[in-house]
Amino acid sequence: MIYNLFIGIGVLAIIIVLIAERRYQKINQVNIYEMADTVTNAACGLSDRVFNIFLDTLQFILWSQLYNVVSIIKIPQSIWSWILCLVVVDFIWYWYHRLGHEVRLFWAVHSLHHQSEEFNISVGFRISIFQSMLRGVFWLMLPVFGFHPDLILTVLVFHGLYQLPLHTRVAPRLGLLEYIFVTPSAHRVHHGINAQYLDKNYGGIFIFWDRLFGTYAPEQEEVIYGITDRTGSLSFVEAHLYGFRQLILPKNYNLAWREKWRYLFSKPSYVPLGVDAAFKPEVEQFEIRTELIRYVLCQIVLASIITFFFILNRHDLTLEIKTALVFFIGWTLVSATLRYDHLNALLLFHEATRLVCIMLLTLFLYFNHLIQWYFAAPTLAAMVAAFVFIPKPIFKSSNGA
């Protein structure tokens, strides 16, 4: 009941922010969304959500075991224990988040969230699947402290949903609330690479942790977004790998093992002696050709529909069906974020094969009464639209080659 309420409120907040951002763009004649970047953000969010379907199950089992076997006390469930748990969660989040910025190994995982050089609600979905695993280790403390697994689950859902609408540049500073809560203004600072904004405002819900531990900075000058490497727009796969490619940079230099280990656990700004400070991994920019924008959007819509079905029915599906859904969601996300530099008949065959396979899976699920018509219909519609949008650009490119 509470879980569904939080989800509903979260969806409503996201819709409100989207409407506000749309109005902001119209009034100020600016574009705060870049198509390729937004597609990567959406793909990261969908992959993280699918991965968490399995991770959440494992986490809940671990929480239950820790709560029943090694918990220090058993805290009764009430509104007061819920508030206490929220404060503890945010305190743990502060230190997990701070380590994610101050330890290079953890930054390799977390940096994906900061790569975008735009700032809008879609950035809130740009989460690495590796970040979910790292964060889960920190949450293992909660059942040991005596919080019931059901309580932990609802608090973490609220904690995560609260932070999504923070990713917007349209909200002003909020007066006295800035002293207690993390606001869009405070979180804009966190995503900034301005000198005075680096490594600031780590809190998830409460900003007083930052004020207490000396990592708070107010929003003053205009924020420059991204990471100091200025990666530009990366594809879904490259965005996940970039931080880890940074980790292996010392292999190109004759460094002692001790220095290599120090590099892994140093601050991201640390440069070993003898290493070029300006050296960084080479990346290719992810761009979507104008004639393929509608096709790529169809793939994101298709992946979103399948993911939404997966989340709602995760308890009723067999392992075989879950595996098939994960495979096709992953295939669709990777396909949607390919560069499409050389469109040809081989690509057409690849895409047609993928869409036909998903169509057959959808029909199989529908006729075996595993999904309802309101899931099957939009899925099939998205695939039909994809077939309509993809042939012309491909054949145009093939004929012009």
Protein backbone atom coordinates (compact mmCIF):
# COMPACT_ATOMS: atom_id res chain seq x y z
CA MET A 1 0.00 0.00 0.00
CA ILE A 2 2.67 2.52 1.08
CA TYR A 3 5.03 1.24 -1.63
CA ASN A 4 2.43 1.91 -4.35
CA LEU A 5 1.60 5.30 -2.82
CA PHE A 6 5.25 6.37 -3.01
CA ILE A 7 5.51 5.15 -6.61
CA GLY A 8 2.37 7.11 -7.53
CA ILE A 9 3.63 10.30 -5.87
CA GLY A 10 7.02 9.87 -7.54
CA VAL A 11 5.48 9.48 -11.00
CA LEU A 12 3.32 12.58 -10.40
CA ALA A 13 6.37 14.61 -9.32
CA ILE A 14 8.26 13.56 -12.46
CA ILE A 15 5.32 14.58 -14.67
CA ILE A 16 5.14 17.98 -12.94
CA VAL A 17 8.87 18.55 -13.48
CA LEU A 18 8.58 17.53 -17.15
CA ILE A 19 5.76 20.04 -17.68
CA ALA A 20 7.76 22.75 -15.87
CA GLU A 21 10.85 22.02 -17.99
CA ARG A 22 8.79 22.16 -21.16
CA ARG A 23 7.43 25.57 -20.15
CA TYR A 24 10.92 26.74 -19.14
CA GLN A 25 12.26 25.89 -22.59
CA LYS A 26 9.41 27.70 -24.31
CA ILE A 27 9.64 30.88 -22.19
CA ASN A 28 13.44 31.15 -22.27
CA GLN A 29 13.87 29.89 -25.85
CA VAL A 30 16.49 27.38 -24.73
CA ASN A 31 16.89 23.65 -25.14
CA ILE A 32 17.82 21.80 -21.95
CA TYR A 33 17.46 18.38 -23.59
CA GLU A 34 19.95 16.90 -26.06
CA MET A 35 18.51 13.91 -27.90
CA ALA A 36 21.49 11.52 -27.77
CA ASP A 37 22.20 12.35 -24.12
CA THR A 38 18.55 11.85 -23.15
CA VAL A 39 18.41 8.47 -24.92
CA THR A 40 21.51 7.34 -23.00
CA ASN A 41 19.97 8.57 -19.72
CA ALA A 42 16.78 6.61 -20.41
CA ALA A 43 18.69 3.48 -21.41
CA CYS A 44 20.77 3.62 -18.23
CA GLY A 45 17.64 4.06 -16.11
CA LEU A 46 15.83 1.14 -17.74
CA SER A 47 18.82 -1.20 -17.42
CA ASP A 48 19.26 -0.24 -13.77
CA ARG A 49 15.58 -0.87 -13.05
CA VAL A 50 15.63 -4.31 -14.71
CA PHE A 51 18.84 -5.27 -12.91
CA ASN A 52 17.32 -4.18 -9.60
CA ILE A 53 14.39 -6.56 -10.05
CA PHE A 54 16.85 -9.38 -9.38
CA LEU A 55 19.07 -7.45 -6.97
CA ASP A 56 16.11 -6.39 -4.81
CA THR A 57 15.11 -10.02 -4.32
CA LEU A 58 18.63 -10.97 -3.25
CA GLN A 59 18.89 -7.93 -0.98
CA PHE A 60 15.60 -8.71 0.75
CA ILE A 61 16.75 -12.26 1.47
CA LEU A 62 20.02 -10.95 2.94
CA TRP A 63 18.20 -8.31 4.98
CA SER A 64 15.87 -10.96 6.41
CA GLN A 65 18.74 -13.22 7.39
CA LEU A 66 20.70 -10.39 9.00
CA TYR A 67 17.61 -9.09 10.80
CA ASN A 68 16.70 -12.53 12.19
CA VAL A 69 20.21 -13.70 13.06
CA VAL A 70 22.59 -10.83 13.84
CA SER A 71 20.50 -7.70 14.45
CA ILE A 72 21.52 -5.80 17.58
CA ILE A 73 17.90 -5.09 18.53
CA LYS A 74 14.47 -5.45 16.92
CA ILE A 75 13.00 -2.00 16.34
CA PRO A 76 9.15 -2.08 16.30
CA GLN A 77 7.57 -0.75 13.11
CA SER A 78 5.87 2.61 13.56
CA ILE A 79 5.89 6.08 12.06
CA TRP A 80 8.72 7.00 14.45
CA SER A 81 10.87 4.02 13.43
CA TRP A 82 10.18 4.92 9.78
CA ILE A 83 11.46 8.48 10.36
CA LEU A 84 14.46 7.15 12.30
CA CYS A 85 15.25 4.73 9.49
CA LEU A 86 15.01 7.56 6.93
CA VAL A 87 17.53 9.65 8.89
CA VAL A 88 19.90 6.68 9.22
CA VAL A 89 19.53 5.85 5.52
CA ASP A 90 20.38 9.41 4.55
CA PHE A 91 23.40 9.45 6.88
CA ILE A 92 24.70 6.22 5.30
CA TRP A 93 23.90 7.67 1.86
CA TYR A 94 25.96 10.78 2.65
CA TRP A 95 29.10 8.73 3.33
CA TYR A 96 28.49 6.25 0.50
CA HIS A 97 27.97 9.20 -1.87
CA ARG A 98 31.00 11.06 -0.55
CA LEU A 99 33.22 7.99 -0.99
CA GLY A 100 31.82 7.69 -4.52
CA HIS A 101 33.39 11.08 -5.27
CA GLU A 102 36.57 10.85 -3.20
CA VAL A 103 37.80 7.31 -3.96
CA ARG A 104 38.76 6.67 -7.57
CA LEU A 105 37.59 3.04 -7.55
CA PHE A 106 34.12 4.10 -6.40
CA TRP A 107 34.14 7.12 -8.74
CA ALA A 108 34.56 4.69 -11.64
CA VAL A 109 31.13 3.37 -10.69
CA HIS A 110 29.41 6.65 -9.82
CA SER A 111 30.86 8.95 -12.51
CA LEU A 112 28.31 7.73 -15.08
CA HIS A 113 25.64 9.69 -13.22
CA HIS A 114 27.64 12.91 -13.62
CA GLN A 115 28.77 12.57 -17.25
CA SER A 116 25.81 14.43 -18.75
CA GLU A 117 26.57 18.04 -19.64
CA GLU A 118 22.87 18.85 -19.55
CA PHE A 119 20.73 18.94 -16.39
CA ASN A 120 17.12 17.79 -16.56
CA ILE A 121 14.84 15.15 -15.08
CA SER A 122 16.26 12.44 -17.37
CA VAL A 123 19.66 12.78 -15.66
CA GLY A 124 18.05 11.39 -12.50
CA PHE A 125 17.63 8.06 -14.29
CA ARG A 126 21.29 7.90 -15.38
CA ILE A 127 22.37 5.23 -12.89
CA SER A 128 24.94 2.49 -13.40
CA ILE A 129 23.99 -1.09 -12.60
CA PHE A 130 27.35 -1.32 -10.79
CA GLN A 131 26.28 1.55 -8.54
CA SER A 132 23.27 -0.44 -7.39
CA MET A 133 25.55 -3.30 -6.31
CA LEU A 134 27.95 -0.99 -4.47
CA ARG A 135 25.11 0.84 -2.73
CA GLY A 136 23.58 -2.47 -1.66
CA VAL A 137 26.66 -3.27 0.43
CA PHE A 138 26.09 -0.13 2.51
CA TRP A 139 22.41 -0.97 3.05
CA LEU A 140 23.38 -4.25 4.75
CA MET A 141 23.98 -2.22 7.92
CA LEU A 142 20.29 -1.38 8.25
CA PRO A 143 18.94 -4.83 9.29
CA VAL A 144 21.93 -5.23 11.62
CA PHE A 145 20.84 -2.01 13.35
CA GLY A 146 17.40 -3.62 13.89
CA PHE A 147 15.24 -2.20 11.09
CA HIS A 148 12.73 -4.66 9.63
CA PRO A 149 13.25 -5.53 5.92
CA ASP A 150 9.74 -4.29 5.01
CA LEU A 151 10.51 -0.95 6.65
CA ILE A 152 13.87 -0.70 4.88
CA LEU A 153 12.23 -1.34 1.52
CA THR A 154 9.65 1.45 1.83
CA VAL A 155 12.22 3.93 3.16
CA LEU A 156 14.65 3.21 0.31
CA VAL A 157 11.87 3.59 -2.28
CA PHE A 158 10.95 6.98 -0.80
CA HIS A 159 14.61 7.99 -0.55
CA GLY A 160 15.24 7.16 -4.20
CA LEU A 161 12.07 8.77 -5.54
CA TYR A 162 12.71 11.98 -3.58
CA GLN A 163 15.96 12.52 -5.47
CA LEU A 164 14.57 12.17 -9.00
CA PRO A 165 12.82 15.59 -9.20
CA LEU A 166 15.96 17.25 -7.83
CA HIS A 167 17.49 16.94 -11.29
CA THR A 168 16.10 20.10 -12.84
CA ARG A 169 17.30 23.63 -13.46
CA VAL A 170 13.79 25.16 -13.46
CA ALA A 171 13.19 25.24 -9.67
CA PRO A 172 14.43 28.34 -7.77
CA ARG A 173 16.04 28.38 -4.34
CA LEU A 174 13.48 27.47 -1.67
CA GLY A 175 14.25 29.81 1.21
CA LEU A 176 14.40 28.23 4.67
CA LEU A 177 14.05 24.72 3.21
CA GLU A 178 17.60 25.10 1.87
CA TYR A 179 18.87 24.79 5.46
CA ILE A 180 17.23 21.41 6.08
CA PHE A 181 16.56 19.56 2.84
CA VAL A 182 18.41 18.81 -0.37
CA THR A 183 16.67 20.98 -2.96
CA PRO A 184 17.05 21.25 -6.75
CA SER A 185 19.33 24.24 -6.16
CA ALA A 186 21.58 22.27 -3.78
CA HIS A 187 21.70 19.32 -6.14
CA ARG A 188 22.54 21.53 -9.13
CA VAL A 189 25.65 22.54 -7.18
CA HIS A 190 26.48 18.86 -6.62
CA HIS A 191 26.48 18.26 -10.39
CA GLY A 192 28.63 21.31 -11.11
CA ILE A 193 32.30 21.28 -12.11
CA ASN A 194 32.84 24.92 -11.17
CA ALA A 195 35.83 25.12 -8.81
CA GLN A 196 33.70 26.10 -5.79
CA TYR A 197 31.12 23.39 -6.52
CA LEU A 198 33.38 20.34 -6.83
CA ASP A 199 32.71 17.61 -4.23
CA LYS A 200 29.87 19.45 -2.52
CA ASN A 201 26.31 18.67 -1.32
CA TYR A 202 26.35 14.88 -0.97
CA GLY A 203 23.10 14.52 1.01
CA GLY A 204 20.17 12.64 -0.47
CA ILE A 205 17.27 14.22 1.45
CA PHE A 206 18.85 16.23 4.27
CA ILE A 207 21.42 18.94 3.56
CA PHE A 208 22.44 19.35 7.21
CA TRP A 209 24.95 16.48 6.84
CA ASP A 210 26.89 18.65 4.39
CA ARG A 211 26.66 21.66 6.69
CA LEU A 212 27.86 19.50 9.59
CA PHE A 213 30.80 17.91 7.77
CA GLY A 214 31.92 20.96 5.78
CA THR A 215 30.86 19.90 2.29
CA TYR A 216 28.04 22.39 1.73
CA ALA A 217 28.08 25.06 -0.97
CA PRO A 218 25.17 27.34 -1.97
CA GLU A 219 24.28 27.98 -5.59
CA GLN A 220 25.75 31.32 -6.60
CA GLU A 221 27.21 31.48 -10.11
CA GLU A 222 25.75 29.57 -13.06
CA VAL A 223 26.48 25.86 -12.85
CA ILE A 224 28.61 24.11 -15.49
CA TYR A 225 27.47 20.46 -15.65
CA GLY A 226 29.35 17.25 -16.41
CA ILE A 227 32.65 15.81 -15.21
CA THR A 228 36.03 17.48 -15.45
CA ASP A 229 37.05 15.14 -18.30
CA ARG A 230 34.27 16.71 -20.43
CA THR A 231 33.23 13.44 -22.08
CA GLY A 232 30.39 14.94 -24.12
CA SER A 233 27.62 12.55 -25.18
CA LEU A 234 28.43 8.85 -24.71
CA SER A 235 26.51 5.79 -25.81
CA PHE A 236 24.83 3.50 -23.28
CA VAL A 237 27.74 1.00 -23.31
CA GLU A 238 30.54 3.57 -23.39
CA ALA A 239 28.96 5.53 -20.53
CA HIS A 240 29.16 2.43 -18.31
CA LEU A 241 32.74 1.63 -19.30
CA TYR A 242 34.33 5.10 -19.21
CA GLY A 243 35.04 5.17 -15.46
CA PHE A 244 36.66 1.75 -15.59
CA ARG A 245 38.78 2.79 -18.55
CA GLN A 246 40.09 5.58 -16.33
CA LEU A 247 41.11 2.98 -13.75
CA ILE A 248 43.44 1.18 -16.14
CA LEU A 249 45.22 4.31 -17.43
CA PRO A 250 48.36 3.57 -15.33
CA LYS A 251 48.96 0.37 -17.33
CA ASN A 252 50.41 2.62 -20.03
CA TYR A 253 53.12 3.76 -17.60
CA ASN A 254 55.85 1.91 -15.79
CA LEU A 255 54.45 2.36 -12.28
CA ALA A 256 55.31 0.30 -9.22
CA TRP A 257 52.54 -1.96 -7.87
CA ARG A 258 52.34 0.14 -4.73
CA GLU A 259 51.69 3.24 -6.84
CA LYS A 260 49.04 1.41 -8.88
CA TRP A 261 47.19 0.43 -5.71
CA ARG A 262 47.46 3.97 -4.42
CA TYR A 263 45.98 5.18 -7.71
CA LEU A 264 42.90 2.94 -7.27
CA PHE A 265 42.08 4.29 -3.81
CA SER A 266 43.24 7.88 -4.28
CA LYS A 267 41.06 10.87 -5.00
CA PRO A 268 40.07 11.12 -8.69
CA SER A 269 42.14 14.30 -8.96
CA TYR A 270 45.36 12.49 -7.94
CA VAL A 271 47.91 12.06 -10.75
CA PRO A 272 50.82 9.64 -10.15
CA LEU A 273 54.33 10.95 -10.72
CA GLY A 274 55.32 10.52 -14.35
CA VAL A 275 51.75 10.30 -15.65
CA ASP A 276 50.44 12.92 -18.06
CA ALA A 277 47.86 14.93 -16.08
CA ALA A 278 45.89 15.66 -19.26
CA PHE A 279 45.75 12.01 -20.34
CA LYS A 280 42.27 10.54 -20.48
CA PRO A 281 40.48 7.73 -22.36
CA GLU A 282 39.52 8.52 -25.93
CA VAL A 283 35.79 8.47 -26.60
CA GLU A 284 33.60 8.65 -29.67
CA GLN A 285 30.62 10.96 -29.47
CA PHE A 286 27.19 9.37 -29.58
CA GLU A 287 24.95 11.16 -32.04
CA ILE A 288 21.59 10.19 -33.49
CA ARG A 289 21.08 10.90 -37.17
CA THR A 290 18.09 13.15 -37.74
CA GLU A 291 16.29 10.61 -39.94
CA LEU A 292 16.60 7.95 -37.22
CA ILE A 293 15.35 9.93 -34.23
CA ARG A 294 11.79 8.56 -34.45
CA TYR A 295 13.10 5.02 -34.84
CA VAL A 296 15.38 5.28 -31.79
CA LEU A 297 12.56 6.79 -29.72
CA CYS A 298 10.37 3.84 -30.70
CA GLN A 299 13.01 1.51 -29.27
CA ILE A 300 13.13 3.41 -25.98
CA VAL A 301 9.32 3.32 -25.76
CA LEU A 302 9.38 -0.40 -26.56
CA ALA A 303 11.98 -1.09 -23.85
CA SER A 304 9.98 1.04 -21.38
CA ILE A 305 6.77 -0.91 -22.01
CA ILE A 306 8.51 -4.28 -21.58
CA THR A 307 10.28 -3.05 -18.43
CA PHE A 308 7.03 -1.70 -16.95
CA PHE A 309 5.34 -5.05 -17.57
CA PHE A 310 8.33 -6.85 -16.06
CA ILE A 311 8.22 -4.76 -12.87
CA LEU A 312 4.47 -5.18 -12.34
CA ASN A 313 4.51 -8.94 -12.98
CA ARG A 314 7.92 -9.92 -11.60
CA HIS A 315 6.41 -12.22 -8.95
CA ASP A 316 4.26 -14.17 -11.44
CA LEU A 317 6.76 -14.87 -14.23
CA THR A 318 8.86 -17.99 -14.62
CA LEU A 319 12.64 -17.78 -14.64
CA GLU A 320 12.65 -18.62 -18.36
CA ILE A 321 10.32 -15.72 -19.20
CA LYS A 322 12.30 -13.34 -16.97
CA THR A 323 15.53 -14.36 -18.72
CA ALA A 324 13.96 -13.80 -22.15
CA LEU A 325 12.66 -10.36 -21.13
CA VAL A 326 16.06 -9.31 -19.75
CA PHE A 327 17.72 -10.48 -22.98
CA PHE A 328 15.34 -8.55 -25.23
CA ILE A 329 15.36 -5.40 -23.08
CA GLY A 330 19.16 -5.40 -23.09
CA TRP A 331 19.28 -6.08 -26.84
CA THR A 332 16.85 -3.23 -27.49
CA LEU A 333 18.74 -0.72 -25.32
CA VAL A 334 22.07 -1.52 -26.94
CA SER A 335 20.47 -1.39 -30.39
CA ALA A 336 18.82 1.98 -29.66
CA THR A 337 22.16 3.51 -28.67
CA LEU A 338 24.30 2.23 -31.54
CA ARG A 339 25.87 5.01 -33.58
CA TYR A 340 24.41 3.86 -36.91
CA ASP A 341 27.40 5.30 -38.77
CA HIS A 342 27.09 2.84 -41.63
CA LEU A 343 23.50 1.82 -42.21
CA ASN A 344 23.19 -1.11 -44.59
CA ALA A 345 21.28 -4.28 -45.34
CA LEU A 346 23.11 -6.14 -42.55
CA LEU A 347 21.80 -3.64 -39.99
CA LEU A 348 18.31 -3.97 -41.44
CA PHE A 349 18.55 -7.75 -41.04
CA HIS A 350 19.78 -7.35 -37.45
CA GLU A 351 16.98 -4.96 -36.49
CA ALA A 352 14.27 -6.91 -38.31
CA THR A 353 15.40 -10.10 -36.55
CA ARG A 354 15.28 -8.43 -33.14
CA LEU A 355 11.84 -6.88 -33.70
CA VAL A 356 10.36 -10.12 -35.05
CA CYS A 357 11.73 -12.04 -32.03
CA ILE A 358 10.18 -9.53 -29.61
CA MET A 359 6.90 -9.67 -31.54
CA LEU A 360 6.83 -13.48 -31.31
CA LEU A 361 7.60 -13.32 -27.57
CA THR A 362 4.80 -10.78 -27.06
CA LEU A 363 2.28 -12.95 -28.92
CA PHE A 364 3.43 -16.02 -26.99
CA LEU A 365 2.92 -14.24 -23.66
CA TYR A 366 -0.47 -12.90 -24.72
CA PHE A 367 -1.94 -16.16 -26.05
CA ASN A 368 -0.68 -18.01 -22.98
CA HIS A 369 -2.49 -15.44 -20.80
CA LEU A 370 0.74 -14.17 -19.25
CA ILE A 371 0.12 -10.55 -20.28
CA GLN A 372 -3.03 -8.50 -20.83
CA TRP A 373 -4.03 -6.77 -24.06
CA TYR A 374 -3.11 -3.34 -22.67
CA PHE A 375 0.54 -4.48 -22.50
CA ALA A 376 0.53 -6.46 -25.74
CA ALA A 377 -1.14 -3.74 -27.86
CA PRO A 378 1.32 -0.87 -27.20
CA THR A 379 4.26 -3.27 -27.50
CA LEU A 380 3.11 -4.44 -30.93
CA ALA A 381 2.29 -0.86 -31.92
CA ALA A 382 5.82 0.28 -31.02
CA MET A 383 7.29 -2.51 -33.13
CA VAL A 384 5.07 -1.71 -36.11
CA ALA A 385 6.09 1.94 -35.83
CA ALA A 386 9.74 0.89 -35.73
CA PHE A 387 9.31 -1.08 -38.98
CA VAL A 388 7.75 2.01 -40.55
CA PHE A 389 10.57 4.33 -39.44
CA ILE A 390 13.65 2.20 -40.07
CA PRO A 391 13.54 1.10 -43.75
CA LYS A 392 13.78 4.53 -45.40
CA PRO A 393 16.99 5.73 -43.67
CA ILE A 394 18.68 2.37 -44.17
CA PHE A 395 17.85 2.01 -47.85
CA LYS A 396 18.66 5.67 -48.40
CA SER A 397 22.11 5.10 -46.87
CA SER A 398 22.65 1.87 -48.78
CA ASN A 399 21.72 3.42 -52.13
CA GLY A 400 23.94 6.43 -51.46
CA ALA A 401 26.99 4.37 -50.53
